[in-house]
Amino acid sequence: MKKLITFLCLMSATISFAQDLELDLFTSGLNRPVNIKHAGDDRLFVVEQDGIIKIVNSDGTVETTNFLDIDDRVRSIGNEQGLLGLAFHPEFSTNGYFFVNYTNNSGDTVISRFSRIGVNPTIADPNSELIILTYTQPFSNHNGGELQFGPDGYLYISSGDGGSGGDPQNNAQNLNSLLGKLLRIDVNNSTASNPYAIPSDNPFIGNAAARDEIWAYGLRNPWKFSFDALTGDLWIADVGQNAREEINQVVSTDAGLNYGWRCYEGSITYNTSGCPNSSTLTFPVSEYTHSGGRCSITGGYVYRGSNYPNLVGSYFFGDVCTQEIGYLKFENGSWNSTFESFSGNWVAFGEDLNGELYVSGLGGNIFKITDTLLSIDENNQNTVSIYPNPANTVLNINFSDNLISDETVMSIYNIRGQLIKSISKTTDSNFSKINISDLNSGFYILRIDSEGGKKILQKFVVN
């Protein structure tokens, strides 16, 4: 079991970049934004906990008309009830269907389908609700609440263990309960009389002692989970009890896994009475203790965008209490993670159509996650051009006059920030060539350092 280790990026033989995150304010003025999704275009749909979904345009402006308002049927008393989850059907552009997870006025969980109004992409019909699934919540906390469509086209639902503390009803290990689980259902042909079907490869079909909807179990409060847009891997961040916060990662086809709660909190024992052998459990790939005030994990996404190559493959998460954002990456045979401090009670991450990531706090702000060190400054791009891009054997560089000096150095780094080669510019020509025939295929960063501390970063691809 690899425990979470705070680290700085590994130094290469000469130099490497540290990943310096920055949060750029994207929009503000929202009310407890607890879920962020896109619907296959450049807008973000933001779930407010009291029962409203708003549209945020690509420029950060918020549509004045709510996309959906179901405040009248949502109970949002306390921190963990309310409208919690949103998922757009993979065919939303043609069928107009989307799904929500909310706490109803009786305090129970409801999974429902709604429809947009006609072909209008900005307004949904609150009267179009088709209730898909309802299950009782014995306490007001640990509702889970996330919804995601998996790579297989099925709807996945996270449910908490029912609340209180220590799972007093042992729901997470009880296969006859939908609580403390990851559920998987087929909603592609939903009707009032048959709102969902059970996928034929769900792991407990035919087991009289288990619910057919269950895909995985042994979870405490999986507030957020996601699928890697590139690999399809499943990531679950499970909120801990008193000692550990955990991150689970498996291939999306692994069915019937037991993540161990309440037998274990993370990788340490909690209450093993009546528990299965530990060899049958799936333990987290990473975890962290409550030292330094950390207390509650908010899971995010694996970065698969193109603007910040150094972040590619990193899984992002946050801690509500310390207001830190962390990122986790598998390097040199182990999972390594870094925490960086910001200001915000982080409760949700979002991924846009292009794989860029956002994070929201309870205060109502949404920020875009950036890596300033390896981002591409469009103003500086105008002072240097590189071609061809993608390239094969030679990279050509044209400089503007104000970059030419005897001190100009051209360096190439891979996406891990490791220096691959460095070349000093020895002439005053506006043109240079770099031999890249020895580079493997992939993304690279060209860094140009010139007189007076001027620095330009350009990304390029080697075929």
Protein backbone atom coordinates (compact mmCIF):
# COMPACT_ATOMS: atom_id res chain seq x y z
CA MET A 1 0.00 0.00 0.00
CA LYS A 2 1.47 3.29 -1.07
CA LYS A 3 0.80 6.02 1.45
CA LEU A 4 0.32 9.59 0.34
CA ILE A 5 3.64 11.42 0.32
CA THR A 6 3.98 15.15 -0.04
CA PHE A 7 6.72 15.89 -2.47
CA LEU A 8 8.27 18.40 -4.80
CA CYS A 9 8.85 17.37 -8.37
CA LEU A 10 11.91 15.19 -8.73
CA MET A 11 15.04 16.99 -9.87
CA SER A 12 16.59 15.69 -13.05
CA ALA A 13 20.34 15.44 -13.51
CA THR A 14 20.44 19.12 -14.34
CA ILE A 15 17.16 20.87 -13.67
CA SER A 16 13.42 20.23 -13.64
CA PHE A 17 10.29 22.28 -13.30
CA ALA A 18 8.27 22.21 -10.10
CA GLN A 19 4.53 22.12 -10.77
CA ASP A 20 3.34 25.53 -9.61
CA LEU A 21 -0.45 25.58 -9.67
CA GLU A 22 -2.42 28.75 -9.98
CA LEU A 23 -6.16 29.33 -9.73
CA ASP A 24 -7.65 31.84 -12.16
CA LEU A 25 -11.06 33.17 -11.16
CA PHE A 26 -13.53 31.99 -13.79
CA THR A 27 -16.85 33.13 -12.31
CA SER A 28 -18.30 34.19 -8.97
CA GLY A 29 -21.56 34.93 -7.17
CA LEU A 30 -22.89 31.37 -7.14
CA ASN A 31 -24.64 29.79 -4.15
CA ARG A 32 -22.84 26.70 -2.81
CA PRO A 33 -21.79 25.25 -6.20
CA VAL A 34 -21.34 21.52 -5.50
CA ASN A 35 -21.15 20.00 -8.99
CA ILE A 36 -19.74 21.13 -12.35
CA LYS A 37 -20.38 19.36 -15.66
CA HIS A 38 -20.38 20.06 -19.39
CA ALA A 39 -22.94 18.87 -21.92
CA GLY A 40 -20.69 18.36 -24.92
CA ASP A 41 -20.17 22.02 -25.70
CA ASP A 42 -18.11 24.90 -24.29
CA ARG A 43 -20.50 25.76 -21.44
CA LEU A 44 -20.37 24.60 -17.83
CA PHE A 45 -23.47 23.59 -15.92
CA VAL A 46 -23.15 24.34 -12.22
CA VAL A 47 -25.27 22.66 -9.55
CA GLU A 48 -26.23 24.82 -6.58
CA GLN A 49 -26.96 22.79 -3.49
CA ASP A 50 -30.39 24.30 -2.79
CA GLY A 51 -31.83 22.89 -6.02
CA ILE A 52 -30.81 25.09 -8.95
CA ILE A 53 -28.62 24.43 -11.99
CA LYS A 54 -27.07 27.43 -13.73
CA ILE A 55 -25.22 27.77 -17.02
CA VAL A 56 -21.81 29.45 -17.10
CA ASN A 57 -20.68 30.47 -20.57
CA SER A 58 -17.13 30.01 -21.84
CA ASP A 59 -16.31 33.63 -20.96
CA GLY A 60 -17.39 33.14 -17.33
CA THR A 61 -20.71 34.96 -17.61
CA VAL A 62 -23.71 33.33 -15.94
CA GLU A 63 -26.99 32.99 -17.83
CA THR A 64 -29.71 35.00 -16.11
CA THR A 65 -32.28 32.23 -16.61
CA ASN A 66 -31.74 29.10 -14.55
CA PHE A 67 -31.29 25.90 -16.53
CA LEU A 68 -33.30 24.01 -13.86
CA ASP A 69 -35.00 25.04 -10.63
CA ILE A 70 -36.31 22.23 -8.39
CA ASP A 71 -35.79 24.00 -5.08
CA ASP A 72 -39.36 23.12 -4.06
CA ARG A 73 -38.59 19.38 -3.96
CA VAL A 74 -35.05 19.51 -2.56
CA ARG A 75 -34.09 19.43 1.11
CA SER A 76 -30.76 21.18 1.62
CA ILE A 77 -30.65 21.39 5.42
CA GLY A 78 -27.12 20.83 6.70
CA ASN A 79 -23.94 20.46 4.71
CA GLU A 80 -24.54 17.12 3.00
CA GLN A 81 -28.12 17.21 1.73
CA GLY A 82 -29.44 18.97 -1.33
CA LEU A 83 -29.09 18.79 -5.09
CA LEU A 84 -25.75 17.01 -5.28
CA GLY A 85 -25.15 15.34 -8.62
CA LEU A 86 -25.62 15.94 -12.35
CA ALA A 87 -24.84 13.83 -15.41
CA PHE A 88 -25.76 14.49 -19.03
CA HIS A 89 -26.78 11.54 -21.13
CA PRO A 90 -24.09 10.75 -23.73
CA GLU A 91 -26.71 11.53 -26.40
CA PHE A 92 -27.91 14.73 -24.74
CA SER A 93 -27.49 16.75 -27.93
CA THR A 94 -30.20 14.64 -29.58
CA ASN A 95 -32.38 13.30 -26.74
CA GLY A 96 -32.10 16.22 -24.28
CA TYR A 97 -31.89 13.95 -21.22
CA PHE A 98 -29.91 14.63 -18.08
CA PHE A 99 -29.91 13.04 -14.62
CA VAL A 100 -29.72 14.49 -11.11
CA ASN A 101 -29.13 13.17 -7.61
CA TYR A 102 -30.92 15.03 -4.81
CA THR A 103 -32.26 14.74 -1.28
CA ASN A 104 -36.04 15.02 -1.29
CA ASN A 105 -38.21 16.71 1.33
CA SER A 106 -38.40 13.44 3.27
CA GLY A 107 -34.61 13.28 3.51
CA ASP A 108 -34.21 10.37 1.10
CA THR A 109 -32.10 10.13 -2.06
CA VAL A 110 -33.75 10.47 -5.46
CA ILE A 111 -32.17 9.80 -8.85
CA SER A 112 -34.25 11.44 -11.58
CA ARG A 113 -34.20 12.16 -15.27
CA PHE A 114 -35.19 15.56 -16.67
CA SER A 115 -35.47 16.91 -20.20
CA ARG A 116 -34.61 20.22 -21.77
CA ILE A 117 -37.49 22.18 -23.30
CA GLY A 118 -37.70 21.15 -26.94
CA VAL A 119 -34.42 21.89 -28.68
CA ASN A 120 -33.68 24.86 -26.41
CA PRO A 121 -30.22 24.13 -24.96
CA THR A 122 -30.52 26.70 -22.17
CA ILE A 123 -33.73 25.73 -20.33
CA ALA A 124 -34.92 22.44 -18.82
CA ASP A 125 -38.49 21.52 -17.96
CA PRO A 126 -38.93 21.04 -14.19
CA ASN A 127 -42.17 19.15 -14.91
CA SER A 128 -40.39 16.53 -17.03
CA GLU A 129 -39.09 14.61 -14.03
CA LEU A 130 -38.98 10.84 -14.32
CA ILE A 131 -37.94 9.31 -11.00
CA ILE A 132 -35.46 6.53 -11.71
CA LEU A 133 -34.50 5.29 -8.25
CA THR A 134 -35.19 6.25 -4.63
CA TYR A 135 -33.57 4.90 -1.48
CA THR A 136 -33.98 5.74 2.20
CA GLN A 137 -31.36 7.70 4.11
CA PRO A 138 -31.37 6.82 7.84
CA PHE A 139 -29.34 9.93 8.78
CA SER A 140 -28.78 13.34 7.22
CA ASN A 141 -25.09 12.93 6.39
CA HIS A 142 -23.01 10.67 4.10
CA ASN A 143 -25.27 10.91 1.06
CA GLY A 144 -22.54 10.48 -1.56
CA GLY A 145 -24.32 12.12 -4.45
CA GLU A 146 -22.12 11.95 -7.56
CA LEU A 147 -23.39 10.79 -10.95
CA GLN A 148 -21.23 9.87 -13.95
CA PHE A 149 -21.79 8.03 -17.19
CA GLY A 150 -19.01 5.50 -17.58
CA PRO A 151 -17.13 4.58 -20.76
CA ASP A 152 -19.65 1.74 -21.16
CA GLY A 153 -22.60 4.15 -21.40
CA TYR A 154 -24.14 3.10 -18.07
CA LEU A 155 -25.03 5.47 -15.23
CA TYR A 156 -22.90 5.16 -12.08
CA ILE A 157 -24.18 6.49 -8.72
CA SER A 158 -22.22 6.96 -5.50
CA SER A 159 -24.03 6.41 -2.22
CA GLY A 160 -22.73 7.03 1.29
CA ASP A 161 -23.09 4.56 4.14
CA GLY A 162 -26.24 6.23 5.48
CA GLY A 163 -24.58 8.55 7.94
CA SER A 164 -24.06 9.01 11.64
CA GLY A 165 -20.51 7.88 12.50
CA GLY A 166 -18.74 4.55 12.12
CA ASP A 167 -21.49 3.08 9.92
CA PRO A 168 -23.62 1.88 12.89
CA GLN A 169 -25.94 -0.14 10.63
CA ASN A 170 -23.01 -1.73 8.74
CA ASN A 171 -24.59 -0.67 5.46
CA ALA A 172 -21.35 -0.48 3.49
CA GLN A 173 -20.64 -4.22 3.91
CA ASN A 174 -24.29 -5.25 3.52
CA LEU A 175 -24.99 -6.31 -0.05
CA ASN A 176 -28.73 -6.09 0.57
CA SER A 177 -28.40 -2.32 1.07
CA LEU A 178 -27.77 0.30 -1.62
CA LEU A 179 -25.88 2.44 0.91
CA GLY A 180 -22.09 2.64 0.96
CA LYS A 181 -21.95 1.55 -2.66
CA LEU A 182 -21.17 2.43 -6.23
CA LEU A 183 -24.28 1.57 -8.24
CA ARG A 184 -24.46 0.90 -11.99
CA ILE A 185 -27.70 0.95 -13.96
CA ASP A 186 -28.89 1.16 -17.56
CA VAL A 187 -31.08 4.21 -18.19
CA ASN A 188 -31.05 4.18 -21.98
CA ASN A 189 -34.67 3.08 -22.35
CA SER A 190 -36.26 4.49 -19.21
CA THR A 191 -40.04 4.56 -18.88
CA ALA A 192 -42.37 5.24 -15.96
CA SER A 193 -43.10 1.53 -15.62
CA ASN A 194 -39.50 0.42 -16.16
CA PRO A 195 -37.21 3.33 -15.15
CA TYR A 196 -33.95 1.39 -15.38
CA ALA A 197 -32.48 -1.97 -16.28
CA ILE A 198 -29.62 -3.94 -14.78
CA PRO A 199 -26.56 -4.32 -17.04
CA SER A 200 -26.04 -8.00 -17.78
CA ASP A 201 -22.48 -7.98 -16.43
CA ASN A 202 -23.23 -6.41 -13.04
CA PRO A 203 -21.36 -8.59 -10.54
CA PHE A 204 -24.13 -9.67 -8.17
CA ILE A 205 -26.86 -10.69 -10.62
CA GLY A 206 -28.34 -13.96 -9.45
CA ASN A 207 -27.11 -13.53 -5.88
CA ALA A 208 -30.20 -13.64 -3.67
CA ALA A 209 -28.23 -11.97 -0.86
CA ALA A 210 -27.26 -8.92 -2.91
CA ARG A 211 -28.87 -6.07 -4.84
CA ASP A 212 -28.39 -6.30 -8.59
CA GLU A 213 -27.64 -2.56 -8.88
CA ILE A 214 -24.37 -2.83 -6.93
CA TRP A 215 -21.11 -2.45 -8.85
CA ALA A 216 -18.79 -1.99 -5.84
CA TYR A 217 -19.18 -1.70 -2.07
CA GLY A 218 -17.39 -0.94 1.19
CA LEU A 219 -17.48 2.86 0.78
CA ARG A 220 -18.04 5.41 3.53
CA ASN A 221 -18.90 8.65 1.74
CA PRO A 222 -17.75 8.73 -1.89
CA TRP A 223 -18.64 12.39 -2.31
CA LYS A 224 -16.99 12.51 -5.75
CA PHE A 225 -15.76 9.99 -8.31
CA SER A 226 -14.79 10.23 -11.96
CA PHE A 227 -13.54 8.35 -15.00
CA ASP A 228 -10.25 9.14 -16.67
CA ALA A 229 -11.17 10.59 -20.08
CA LEU A 230 -8.20 8.86 -21.71
CA THR A 231 -7.92 5.45 -20.04
CA GLY A 232 -11.43 5.05 -18.61
CA ASP A 233 -9.97 4.25 -15.17
CA LEU A 234 -12.31 4.78 -12.22
CA TRP A 235 -11.19 7.16 -9.45
CA ILE A 236 -13.08 7.33 -6.14
CA ALA A 237 -12.20 9.74 -3.35
CA ASP A 238 -13.78 8.39 -0.16
CA VAL A 239 -14.20 10.71 2.82
CA GLY A 240 -12.75 9.19 5.99
CA GLN A 241 -13.91 8.91 9.59
CA ASN A 242 -11.41 10.38 12.04
CA ALA A 243 -7.99 9.47 10.71
CA ARG A 244 -7.62 8.89 6.95
CA GLU A 245 -8.80 10.25 3.60
CA GLU A 246 -8.43 7.84 0.71
CA ILE A 247 -8.13 7.73 -3.07
CA ASN A 248 -9.05 4.58 -4.95
CA GLN A 249 -8.10 3.89 -8.58
CA VAL A 250 -9.01 0.81 -10.61
CA VAL A 251 -9.68 -0.07 -14.23
CA SER A 252 -13.31 0.63 -15.05
CA THR A 253 -14.10 -3.03 -15.77
CA ASP A 254 -13.18 -4.26 -12.27
CA ALA A 255 -16.52 -5.37 -10.85
CA GLY A 256 -17.64 -6.43 -7.38
CA LEU A 257 -14.75 -4.83 -5.50
CA ASN A 258 -14.96 -4.32 -1.75
CA TYR A 259 -13.19 -1.10 -0.71
CA GLY A 260 -13.15 -2.12 2.94
CA TRP A 261 -15.21 0.32 5.01
CA ARG A 262 -16.14 -0.11 7.95
CA CYS A 263 -13.55 -2.81 8.42
CA TYR A 264 -10.78 -0.41 7.42
CA GLU A 265 -10.41 3.34 7.22
CA GLY A 266 -7.96 3.69 4.40
CA SER A 267 -5.37 0.99 5.07
CA ILE A 268 -5.73 0.94 8.87
CA THR A 269 -8.18 -1.20 10.82
CA TYR A 270 -11.36 0.45 12.09
CA ASN A 271 -13.88 -2.25 13.05
CA THR A 272 -13.06 -5.71 11.76
CA SER A 273 -15.86 -7.56 13.55
CA GLY A 274 -17.42 -9.94 11.05
CA CYS A 275 -15.22 -8.67 8.22
CA PRO A 276 -13.81 -10.69 5.33
CA ASN A 277 -10.12 -11.49 5.02
CA SER A 278 -8.13 -8.39 4.12
CA SER A 279 -6.75 -10.17 1.06
CA THR A 280 -10.19 -9.88 -0.54
CA LEU A 281 -10.35 -6.11 -0.12
CA THR A 282 -9.25 -3.33 -2.46
CA PHE A 283 -7.17 -0.77 -0.60
CA PRO A 284 -6.54 2.80 -1.73
CA VAL A 285 -3.65 3.67 -4.01
CA SER A 286 -3.09 6.73 -1.85
CA GLU A 287 -4.26 8.17 1.45
CA TYR A 288 -3.46 11.01 3.82
CA THR A 289 -3.88 11.55 7.54
CA HIS A 290 -5.69 14.35 9.32
CA SER A 291 -2.46 16.01 10.36
CA GLY A 292 -2.31 19.76 9.92
CA GLY A 293 -6.08 20.13 10.05
CA ARG A 294 -6.92 18.03 6.98
CA CYS A 295 -10.28 16.35 7.37
CA SER A 296 -12.37 15.77 4.24
CA ILE A 297 -11.38 14.92 0.68
CA THR A 298 -13.11 16.20 -2.44
CA GLY A 299 -12.26 14.07 -5.44
CA GLY A 300 -11.64 15.48 -8.89
CA TYR A 301 -10.38 14.39 -12.28
CA VAL A 302 -7.27 13.26 -14.10
CA TYR A 303 -6.03 16.18 -16.18
CA ARG A 304 -6.25 15.38 -19.90
CA GLY A 305 -6.23 18.90 -21.30
CA SER A 306 -3.69 20.32 -23.73
CA ASN A 307 -2.87 23.73 -22.24
CA TYR A 308 -0.62 22.48 -19.43
CA PRO A 309 1.43 19.47 -20.56
CA ASN A 310 3.20 19.15 -17.21
CA LEU A 311 -0.12 18.35 -15.54
CA VAL A 312 -1.15 15.59 -17.95
CA GLY A 313 -1.92 12.37 -16.08
CA SER A 314 -2.20 14.06 -12.66
CA TYR A 315 -5.29 13.30 -10.56
CA PHE A 316 -6.58 16.40 -8.76
CA PHE A 317 -8.34 16.50 -5.41
CA GLY A 318 -8.89 18.95 -2.56
CA ASP A 319 -9.37 19.09 1.19
CA VAL A 320 -12.35 21.07 2.47
CA CYS A 321 -10.81 21.95 5.81
CA THR A 322 -7.27 23.03 4.96
CA GLN A 323 -8.35 24.51 1.60
CA GLU A 324 -5.47 22.71 -0.10
CA ILE A 325 -5.50 21.31 -3.61
CA GLY A 326 -3.52 18.15 -4.22
CA TYR A 327 -2.44 16.27 -7.29
CA LEU A 328 -1.42 12.65 -7.50
CA LYS A 329 0.70 10.97 -10.17
CA PHE A 330 2.27 7.57 -10.70
CA GLU A 331 6.01 8.10 -11.16
CA ASN A 332 9.04 5.84 -10.80
CA GLY A 333 6.94 2.94 -9.59
CA SER A 334 4.95 4.73 -6.87
CA TRP A 335 2.10 7.15 -6.35
CA ASN A 336 3.38 10.59 -5.42
CA SER A 337 1.29 13.59 -4.47
CA THR A 338 1.71 17.27 -3.77
CA PHE A 339 -0.41 19.68 -1.75
CA GLU A 340 -0.61 23.39 -2.50
CA SER A 341 -2.42 25.92 -0.32
CA PHE A 342 -5.17 28.19 -1.61
CA SER A 343 -8.23 29.88 -0.16
CA GLY A 344 -11.51 28.05 -0.63
CA ASN A 345 -13.59 25.25 0.90
CA TRP A 346 -13.23 23.01 -2.14
CA VAL A 347 -16.35 20.92 -2.75
CA ALA A 348 -16.30 20.15 -6.48
CA PHE A 349 -14.06 19.82 -9.50
CA GLY A 350 -15.22 20.09 -13.07
CA GLU A 351 -13.88 19.09 -16.46
CA ASP A 352 -14.74 21.00 -19.62
CA LEU A 353 -15.08 19.66 -23.14
CA ASN A 354 -11.35 20.13 -23.76
CA GLY A 355 -10.21 18.43 -20.57
CA GLU A 356 -9.34 21.64 -18.72
CA LEU A 357 -10.15 21.54 -15.00
CA TYR A 358 -12.09 23.82 -12.66
CA VAL A 359 -12.67 23.83 -8.91
CA SER A 360 -15.43 25.42 -6.83
CA GLY A 361 -15.67 26.48 -3.21
CA LEU A 362 -18.68 26.84 -0.94
CA GLY A 363 -18.21 30.61 -1.07
CA GLY A 364 -19.54 30.69 -4.63
CA ASN A 365 -16.41 31.10 -6.75
CA ILE A 366 -15.25 28.82 -9.55
CA PHE A 367 -11.58 28.84 -10.55
CA LYS A 368 -9.76 27.40 -13.52
CA ILE A 369 -6.71 25.32 -12.61
CA THR A 370 -3.60 26.50 -14.45
CA ASP A 371 0.11 25.79 -14.40
CA THR A 372 1.73 29.14 -15.06
CA LEU A 373 5.21 27.74 -15.47
CA LEU A 374 4.31 25.56 -18.42
CA SER A 375 1.38 27.46 -19.91
CA ILE A 376 1.65 29.13 -23.26
CA ASP A 377 1.58 32.93 -23.14
CA GLU A 378 -0.14 34.06 -26.34
CA ASN A 379 1.52 37.47 -26.18
CA ASN A 380 4.95 35.89 -26.07
CA GLN A 381 4.01 33.48 -28.83
CA ASN A 382 3.96 36.44 -31.17
CA THR A 383 7.69 37.03 -30.58
CA VAL A 384 8.82 33.56 -31.66
CA SER A 385 7.51 30.94 -34.05
CA ILE A 386 8.41 27.27 -34.31
CA TYR A 387 7.76 24.92 -37.22
CA PRO A 388 6.89 22.35 -38.32
CA ASN A 389 4.65 21.37 -35.42
CA PRO A 390 4.31 18.40 -35.15
CA ALA A 391 7.92 17.84 -36.14
CA ASN A 392 10.02 14.79 -37.00
CA THR A 393 13.76 15.48 -37.17
CA VAL A 394 14.33 19.25 -37.07
CA LEU A 395 12.62 22.08 -35.19
CA ASN A 396 12.96 25.50 -36.86
CA ILE A 397 12.80 28.63 -34.71
CA ASN A 398 12.23 32.22 -35.88
CA PHE A 399 12.98 34.94 -33.31
CA SER A 400 11.88 38.54 -33.06
CA ASP A 401 14.74 41.05 -32.85
CA ASN A 402 14.29 41.82 -29.17
CA LEU A 403 15.09 38.23 -28.23
CA ILE A 404 18.44 38.00 -29.96
CA SER A 405 21.47 38.25 -27.74
CA ASP A 406 24.66 36.39 -26.94
CA GLU A 407 22.88 35.02 -23.86
CA THR A 408 19.95 33.32 -25.61
CA VAL A 409 19.60 29.68 -24.53
CA MET A 410 17.12 27.19 -26.00
CA SER A 411 16.14 24.26 -23.77
CA ILE A 412 13.83 21.32 -24.38
CA TYR A 413 11.94 19.64 -21.54
CA ASN A 414 9.62 16.64 -21.54
CA ILE A 415 6.17 16.84 -19.96
CA ARG A 416 7.59 15.75 -16.60
CA GLY A 417 9.75 18.86 -16.57
CA GLN A 418 13.00 16.97 -17.15
CA LEU A 419 15.65 18.74 -19.21
CA ILE A 420 16.34 16.83 -22.44
CA LYS A 421 18.81 19.15 -24.16
CA SER A 422 20.04 22.73 -24.07
CA ILE A 423 21.57 24.77 -26.90
CA SER A 424 23.15 28.22 -26.71
CA LYS A 425 22.44 30.56 -29.59
CA THR A 426 25.83 31.55 -30.97
CA THR A 427 24.88 33.89 -33.82
CA ASP A 428 22.78 37.01 -34.17
CA SER A 429 20.60 35.42 -36.84
CA ASN A 430 16.82 35.51 -36.46
CA PHE A 431 16.74 31.82 -37.32
CA SER A 432 17.87 28.64 -35.53
CA LYS A 433 17.50 24.90 -35.97
CA ILE A 434 17.44 22.18 -33.32
CA ASN A 435 18.02 18.55 -34.20
CA ILE A 436 15.21 16.51 -32.55
CA SER A 437 15.76 13.24 -34.36
CA ASP A 438 16.83 11.65 -31.07
CA LEU A 439 13.58 12.51 -29.27
CA ASN A 440 10.83 9.98 -28.69
CA SER A 441 7.31 10.72 -29.89
CA GLY A 442 5.29 12.91 -27.53
CA PHE A 443 4.76 16.40 -26.10
CA TYR A 444 7.70 18.68 -25.31
CA ILE A 445 8.31 22.21 -24.06
CA LEU A 446 10.77 24.58 -25.74
CA ARG A 447 12.02 27.16 -23.26
CA ILE A 448 13.89 30.22 -24.56
CA ASP A 449 15.84 32.31 -22.06
CA SER A 450 17.30 35.56 -23.29
CA GLU A 451 18.90 38.77 -22.10
CA GLY A 452 17.27 40.61 -19.24
CA GLY A 453 15.49 37.56 -17.88
CA LYS A 454 13.08 37.21 -20.79
CA LYS A 455 11.52 33.75 -20.97
CA ILE A 456 9.23 32.16 -23.54
CA LEU A 457 7.66 28.73 -23.42
CA GLN A 458 6.36 26.97 -26.53
CA LYS A 459 4.93 23.48 -26.68
CA PHE A 460 5.50 21.18 -29.63
CA VAL A 461 4.89 17.60 -30.64
CA VAL A 462 7.35 15.07 -32.00
CA ASN A 463 5.78 12.47 -34.31
